[in-house]
Amino acid sequence: MKEIVSRICKWIGLPGAVIIISCVALTWLIGCAANKQSGEVGAGATGKGGAELWAENCIRCHNIRSPSNYSPAQWEVVMMHMRVRANLTPEEHKKILEFLKSGS
């Protein structure tokens, strides 16, 4: 790690290296905070419905798609992928998928 920082300092100078390293550290911290936040959503989600979970989880990363955008089979594939990407619990996955299928 020291060697990498040393090379960066020589290449762009100390002020530039400090800025780049600060940006990397901030990005890492924001990612950690987002992961913790999604874990907190999962822990208290037992009383939430599929529509509410869908709105809370999907909007974090991209524009929400209408349930009618995809067929039930397509939503199965999308949700299998997004369950892992969004760190959804099995219960959240089931509720969101049921909501999306009912609207397609």
N, C-alpha and C. Protein backbone atom coordinates (compact mmCIF):
# COMPACT_ATOMS: atom_id res chain seq x y z
N MET A 1 0.83 -1.19 0.00
CA MET A 1 0.00 0.00 0.00
C MET A 1 0.88 1.25 0.00
N LYS A 2 1.94 1.25 0.80
CA LYS A 2 2.83 2.40 0.85
C LYS A 2 3.47 2.65 -0.50
N GLU A 3 3.77 1.57 -1.22
CA GLU A 3 4.40 1.71 -2.53
C GLU A 3 3.43 2.37 -3.52
N ILE A 4 2.17 1.99 -3.44
CA ILE A 4 1.15 2.58 -4.33
C ILE A 4 1.00 4.07 -4.04
N VAL A 5 0.89 4.41 -2.76
CA VAL A 5 0.75 5.81 -2.37
C VAL A 5 1.98 6.60 -2.80
N SER A 6 3.15 6.01 -2.63
CA SER A 6 4.40 6.67 -3.03
C SER A 6 4.41 6.94 -4.53
N ARG A 7 3.99 5.97 -5.33
CA ARG A 7 3.96 6.15 -6.79
C ARG A 7 2.97 7.24 -7.18
N ILE A 8 1.81 7.24 -6.52
CA ILE A 8 0.80 8.26 -6.82
C ILE A 8 1.34 9.65 -6.49
N CYS A 9 2.00 9.77 -5.34
CA CYS A 9 2.57 11.06 -4.92
C CYS A 9 3.60 11.56 -5.93
N LYS A 10 4.45 10.66 -6.42
CA LYS A 10 5.47 11.05 -7.39
C LYS A 10 4.84 11.43 -8.72
N TRP A 11 3.77 10.75 -9.10
CA TRP A 11 3.15 10.96 -10.39
C TRP A 11 2.33 12.25 -10.44
N ILE A 12 1.51 12.50 -9.41
CA ILE A 12 0.63 13.68 -9.44
C ILE A 12 0.92 14.68 -8.33
N GLY A 13 1.87 14.39 -7.51
CA GLY A 13 2.20 15.31 -6.42
C GLY A 13 1.39 14.99 -5.17
N LEU A 14 1.86 15.49 -4.06
CA LEU A 14 1.23 15.20 -2.78
C LEU A 14 -0.21 15.72 -2.69
N PRO A 15 -0.52 16.95 -3.09
CA PRO A 15 -1.91 17.42 -2.98
C PRO A 15 -2.88 16.58 -3.80
N GLY A 16 -2.48 16.20 -4.99
CA GLY A 16 -3.34 15.36 -5.83
C GLY A 16 -3.55 13.99 -5.22
N ALA A 17 -2.48 13.43 -4.65
CA ALA A 17 -2.58 12.11 -4.02
C ALA A 17 -3.52 12.15 -2.82
N VAL A 18 -3.44 13.21 -2.04
CA VAL A 18 -4.31 13.34 -0.87
C VAL A 18 -5.77 13.41 -1.32
N ILE A 19 -6.04 14.14 -2.37
CA ILE A 19 -7.41 14.25 -2.89
C ILE A 19 -7.91 12.91 -3.37
N ILE A 20 -7.12 12.19 -4.15
CA ILE A 20 -7.54 10.90 -4.69
C ILE A 20 -7.76 9.90 -3.55
N ILE A 21 -6.83 9.82 -2.62
CA ILE A 21 -6.97 8.87 -1.52
C ILE A 21 -8.17 9.22 -0.65
N SER A 22 -8.43 10.51 -0.46
CA SER A 22 -9.61 10.93 0.31
C SER A 22 -10.89 10.51 -0.39
N CYS A 23 -10.93 10.67 -1.71
CA CYS A 23 -12.12 10.27 -2.48
C CYS A 23 -12.35 8.76 -2.39
N VAL A 24 -11.29 7.99 -2.49
CA VAL A 24 -11.42 6.54 -2.39
C VAL A 24 -11.94 6.15 -1.00
N ALA A 25 -11.38 6.76 0.03
CA ALA A 25 -11.82 6.45 1.40
C ALA A 25 -13.28 6.84 1.60
N LEU A 26 -13.68 7.99 1.09
CA LEU A 26 -15.06 8.44 1.22
C LEU A 26 -16.02 7.50 0.49
N THR A 27 -15.64 7.08 -0.70
CA THR A 27 -16.46 6.13 -1.46
C THR A 27 -16.63 4.84 -0.67
N TRP A 28 -15.55 4.35 -0.08
CA TRP A 28 -15.62 3.14 0.71
C TRP A 28 -16.55 3.31 1.91
N LEU A 29 -16.45 4.45 2.60
CA LEU A 29 -17.30 4.70 3.76
C LEU A 29 -18.77 4.80 3.38
N ILE A 30 -19.05 5.45 2.26
CA ILE A 30 -20.44 5.58 1.81
C ILE A 30 -21.00 4.20 1.48
N GLY A 31 -20.20 3.36 0.84
CA GLY A 31 -20.64 2.00 0.53
C GLY A 31 -20.93 1.21 1.79
N CYS A 32 -20.09 1.35 2.80
CA CYS A 32 -20.32 0.65 4.08
C CYS A 32 -21.60 1.14 4.74
N ALA A 33 -21.83 2.44 4.70
CA ALA A 33 -23.04 3.00 5.31
C ALA A 33 -24.28 2.52 4.57
N ALA A 34 -24.22 2.43 3.25
CA ALA A 34 -25.36 1.95 2.47
C ALA A 34 -25.65 0.50 2.79
N ASN A 35 -24.62 -0.32 2.94
CA ASN A 35 -24.83 -1.72 3.29
C ASN A 35 -25.46 -1.86 4.67
N LYS A 36 -25.01 -1.06 5.63
CA LYS A 36 -25.58 -1.10 6.97
C LYS A 36 -27.03 -0.66 6.94
N GLN A 37 -27.31 0.38 6.16
CA GLN A 37 -28.66 0.90 6.08
C GLN A 37 -29.60 -0.15 5.48
N SER A 38 -29.17 -0.84 4.41
CA SER A 38 -30.03 -1.86 3.81
C SER A 38 -30.26 -3.00 4.77
N GLY A 39 -29.27 -3.32 5.63
CA GLY A 39 -29.45 -4.35 6.64
C GLY A 39 -30.49 -3.93 7.67
N GLU A 40 -30.53 -2.66 8.01
CA GLU A 40 -31.51 -2.17 8.96
C GLU A 40 -32.91 -2.22 8.38
N VAL A 41 -33.04 -1.94 7.09
CA VAL A 41 -34.35 -2.03 6.44
C VAL A 41 -34.84 -3.46 6.49
N GLY A 42 -33.94 -4.41 6.22
CA GLY A 42 -34.31 -5.81 6.22
C GLY A 42 -34.76 -6.29 7.59
N ALA A 43 -34.15 -5.80 8.64
CA ALA A 43 -34.46 -6.26 9.98
C ALA A 43 -35.86 -5.84 10.42
N GLY A 44 -36.33 -4.67 9.98
CA GLY A 44 -37.63 -4.20 10.44
C GLY A 44 -38.71 -4.30 9.39
N ALA A 45 -38.52 -5.11 8.38
CA ALA A 45 -39.42 -5.12 7.24
C ALA A 45 -40.57 -6.11 7.37
N THR A 46 -40.70 -6.81 8.47
CA THR A 46 -41.70 -7.86 8.56
C THR A 46 -43.11 -7.35 8.39
N GLY A 47 -43.42 -6.13 8.82
CA GLY A 47 -44.76 -5.61 8.71
C GLY A 47 -45.03 -4.84 7.42
N LYS A 48 -44.03 -4.67 6.58
CA LYS A 48 -44.18 -3.88 5.36
C LYS A 48 -44.69 -4.76 4.22
N GLY A 49 -45.47 -4.14 3.34
CA GLY A 49 -45.99 -4.85 2.19
C GLY A 49 -45.00 -4.81 1.03
N GLY A 50 -45.30 -5.59 0.01
CA GLY A 50 -44.44 -5.68 -1.16
C GLY A 50 -44.25 -4.36 -1.88
N ALA A 51 -45.32 -3.57 -1.99
CA ALA A 51 -45.22 -2.28 -2.69
C ALA A 51 -44.30 -1.33 -1.94
N GLU A 52 -44.41 -1.29 -0.63
CA GLU A 52 -43.58 -0.40 0.18
C GLU A 52 -42.11 -0.84 0.12
N LEU A 53 -41.87 -2.14 0.25
CA LEU A 53 -40.51 -2.66 0.16
C LEU A 53 -39.91 -2.40 -1.21
N TRP A 54 -40.72 -2.55 -2.24
CA TRP A 54 -40.29 -2.32 -3.62
C TRP A 54 -39.85 -0.87 -3.78
N ALA A 55 -40.68 0.05 -3.30
CA ALA A 55 -40.36 1.47 -3.43
C ALA A 55 -39.10 1.83 -2.63
N GLU A 56 -38.98 1.32 -1.42
CA GLU A 56 -37.83 1.66 -0.58
C GLU A 56 -36.52 1.10 -1.12
N ASN A 57 -36.54 -0.13 -1.60
CA ASN A 57 -35.30 -0.79 -2.00
C ASN A 57 -34.87 -0.46 -3.42
N CYS A 58 -35.77 -0.41 -4.34
CA CYS A 58 -35.40 -0.25 -5.76
C CYS A 58 -34.97 1.18 -6.09
N ILE A 59 -35.57 2.16 -5.43
CA ILE A 59 -35.27 3.56 -5.73
C ILE A 59 -33.86 3.94 -5.31
N ARG A 60 -33.24 3.15 -4.42
CA ARG A 60 -31.89 3.47 -3.97
C ARG A 60 -30.88 3.47 -5.11
N CYS A 61 -31.10 2.61 -6.10
CA CYS A 61 -30.09 2.46 -7.16
C CYS A 61 -30.54 2.90 -8.54
N HIS A 62 -31.82 2.85 -8.83
CA HIS A 62 -32.28 3.20 -10.18
C HIS A 62 -33.73 3.60 -10.17
N ASN A 63 -34.19 4.09 -11.31
CA ASN A 63 -35.59 4.47 -11.45
C ASN A 63 -36.46 3.23 -11.31
N ILE A 64 -37.56 3.39 -10.63
CA ILE A 64 -38.47 2.26 -10.41
C ILE A 64 -39.20 1.95 -11.71
N ARG A 65 -39.27 0.67 -12.01
CA ARG A 65 -40.02 0.20 -13.18
C ARG A 65 -41.45 -0.10 -12.76
N SER A 66 -42.36 0.14 -13.66
CA SER A 66 -43.75 -0.21 -13.40
C SER A 66 -43.88 -1.73 -13.39
N PRO A 67 -44.73 -2.28 -12.52
CA PRO A 67 -44.91 -3.73 -12.52
C PRO A 67 -45.36 -4.28 -13.87
N SER A 68 -46.00 -3.44 -14.67
CA SER A 68 -46.46 -3.91 -15.98
C SER A 68 -45.36 -3.92 -17.04
N ASN A 69 -44.15 -3.46 -16.70
CA ASN A 69 -43.05 -3.45 -17.67
C ASN A 69 -42.59 -4.84 -18.05
N TYR A 70 -42.75 -5.80 -17.14
CA TYR A 70 -42.28 -7.16 -17.39
C TYR A 70 -43.37 -8.17 -17.09
N SER A 71 -43.23 -9.34 -17.68
CA SER A 71 -44.15 -10.45 -17.41
C SER A 71 -43.77 -11.07 -16.06
N PRO A 72 -44.66 -11.90 -15.50
CA PRO A 72 -44.31 -12.56 -14.24
C PRO A 72 -43.02 -13.38 -14.34
N ALA A 73 -42.80 -14.05 -15.45
CA ALA A 73 -41.57 -14.84 -15.62
C ALA A 73 -40.34 -13.93 -15.67
N GLN A 74 -40.47 -12.78 -16.31
CA GLN A 74 -39.34 -11.85 -16.37
C GLN A 74 -39.05 -11.26 -14.99
N TRP A 75 -40.11 -10.97 -14.22
CA TRP A 75 -39.89 -10.46 -12.86
C TRP A 75 -39.18 -11.49 -12.00
N GLU A 76 -39.46 -12.78 -12.22
CA GLU A 76 -38.76 -13.84 -11.48
C GLU A 76 -37.25 -13.72 -11.69
N VAL A 77 -36.85 -13.54 -12.95
CA VAL A 77 -35.43 -13.43 -13.28
C VAL A 77 -34.83 -12.15 -12.69
N VAL A 78 -35.53 -11.04 -12.88
CA VAL A 78 -35.04 -9.76 -12.36
C VAL A 78 -34.88 -9.83 -10.85
N MET A 79 -35.87 -10.35 -10.17
CA MET A 79 -35.83 -10.39 -8.71
C MET A 79 -34.80 -11.37 -8.18
N MET A 80 -34.53 -12.44 -8.90
CA MET A 80 -33.48 -13.37 -8.46
C MET A 80 -32.14 -12.63 -8.46
N HIS A 81 -31.92 -11.86 -9.50
CA HIS A 81 -30.67 -11.08 -9.59
C HIS A 81 -30.64 -9.99 -8.53
N MET A 82 -31.74 -9.26 -8.40
CA MET A 82 -31.76 -8.12 -7.50
C MET A 82 -31.78 -8.53 -6.03
N ARG A 83 -32.24 -9.73 -5.74
CA ARG A 83 -32.23 -10.20 -4.35
C ARG A 83 -30.80 -10.19 -3.82
N VAL A 84 -29.88 -10.64 -4.66
CA VAL A 84 -28.47 -10.67 -4.26
C VAL A 84 -27.90 -9.26 -4.26
N ARG A 85 -28.15 -8.51 -5.32
CA ARG A 85 -27.57 -7.16 -5.44
C ARG A 85 -28.07 -6.22 -4.35
N ALA A 86 -29.34 -6.31 -3.99
CA ALA A 86 -29.93 -5.40 -3.00
C ALA A 86 -29.87 -5.96 -1.59
N ASN A 87 -29.32 -7.15 -1.44
CA ASN A 87 -29.19 -7.77 -0.12
C ASN A 87 -30.55 -7.91 0.56
N LEU A 88 -31.53 -8.43 -0.19
CA LEU A 88 -32.87 -8.60 0.35
C LEU A 88 -32.97 -9.89 1.15
N THR A 89 -33.80 -9.87 2.18
CA THR A 89 -34.06 -11.09 2.93
C THR A 89 -35.02 -11.96 2.11
N PRO A 90 -35.12 -13.24 2.41
CA PRO A 90 -36.09 -14.09 1.69
C PRO A 90 -37.52 -13.56 1.78
N GLU A 91 -37.88 -13.03 2.96
CA GLU A 91 -39.23 -12.48 3.14
C GLU A 91 -39.45 -11.24 2.26
N GLU A 92 -38.48 -10.34 2.23
CA GLU A 92 -38.59 -9.15 1.38
C GLU A 92 -38.69 -9.55 -0.08
N HIS A 93 -37.85 -10.48 -0.50
CA HIS A 93 -37.86 -10.95 -1.89
C HIS A 93 -39.22 -11.49 -2.26
N LYS A 94 -39.79 -12.31 -1.39
CA LYS A 94 -41.09 -12.92 -1.67
C LYS A 94 -42.18 -11.86 -1.79
N LYS A 95 -42.20 -10.91 -0.84
CA LYS A 95 -43.25 -9.88 -0.86
C LYS A 95 -43.14 -8.98 -2.09
N ILE A 96 -41.93 -8.58 -2.43
CA ILE A 96 -41.75 -7.70 -3.59
C ILE A 96 -42.12 -8.45 -4.86
N LEU A 97 -41.69 -9.70 -4.99
CA LEU A 97 -42.01 -10.49 -6.18
C LEU A 97 -43.51 -10.69 -6.32
N GLU A 98 -44.20 -10.99 -5.23
CA GLU A 98 -45.66 -11.13 -5.30
C GLU A 98 -46.33 -9.85 -5.77
N PHE A 99 -45.87 -8.72 -5.24
CA PHE A 99 -46.41 -7.42 -5.65
C PHE A 99 -46.20 -7.18 -7.15
N LEU A 100 -44.98 -7.42 -7.63
CA LEU A 100 -44.65 -7.16 -9.03
C LEU A 100 -45.44 -8.10 -9.96
N LYS A 101 -45.58 -9.35 -9.57
CA LYS A 101 -46.31 -10.30 -10.40
C LYS A 101 -47.80 -9.94 -10.45
N SER A 102 -48.33 -9.45 -9.34
CA SER A 102 -49.76 -9.10 -9.31
C SER A 102 -50.06 -7.90 -10.21
N GLY A 103 -49.07 -7.06 -10.44
CA GLY A 103 -49.28 -5.88 -11.28
C GLY A 103 -48.89 -6.05 -12.73
N SER A 104 -48.35 -7.22 -13.06
CA SER A 104 -47.89 -7.41 -14.45
C SER A 104 -48.96 -8.03 -15.33
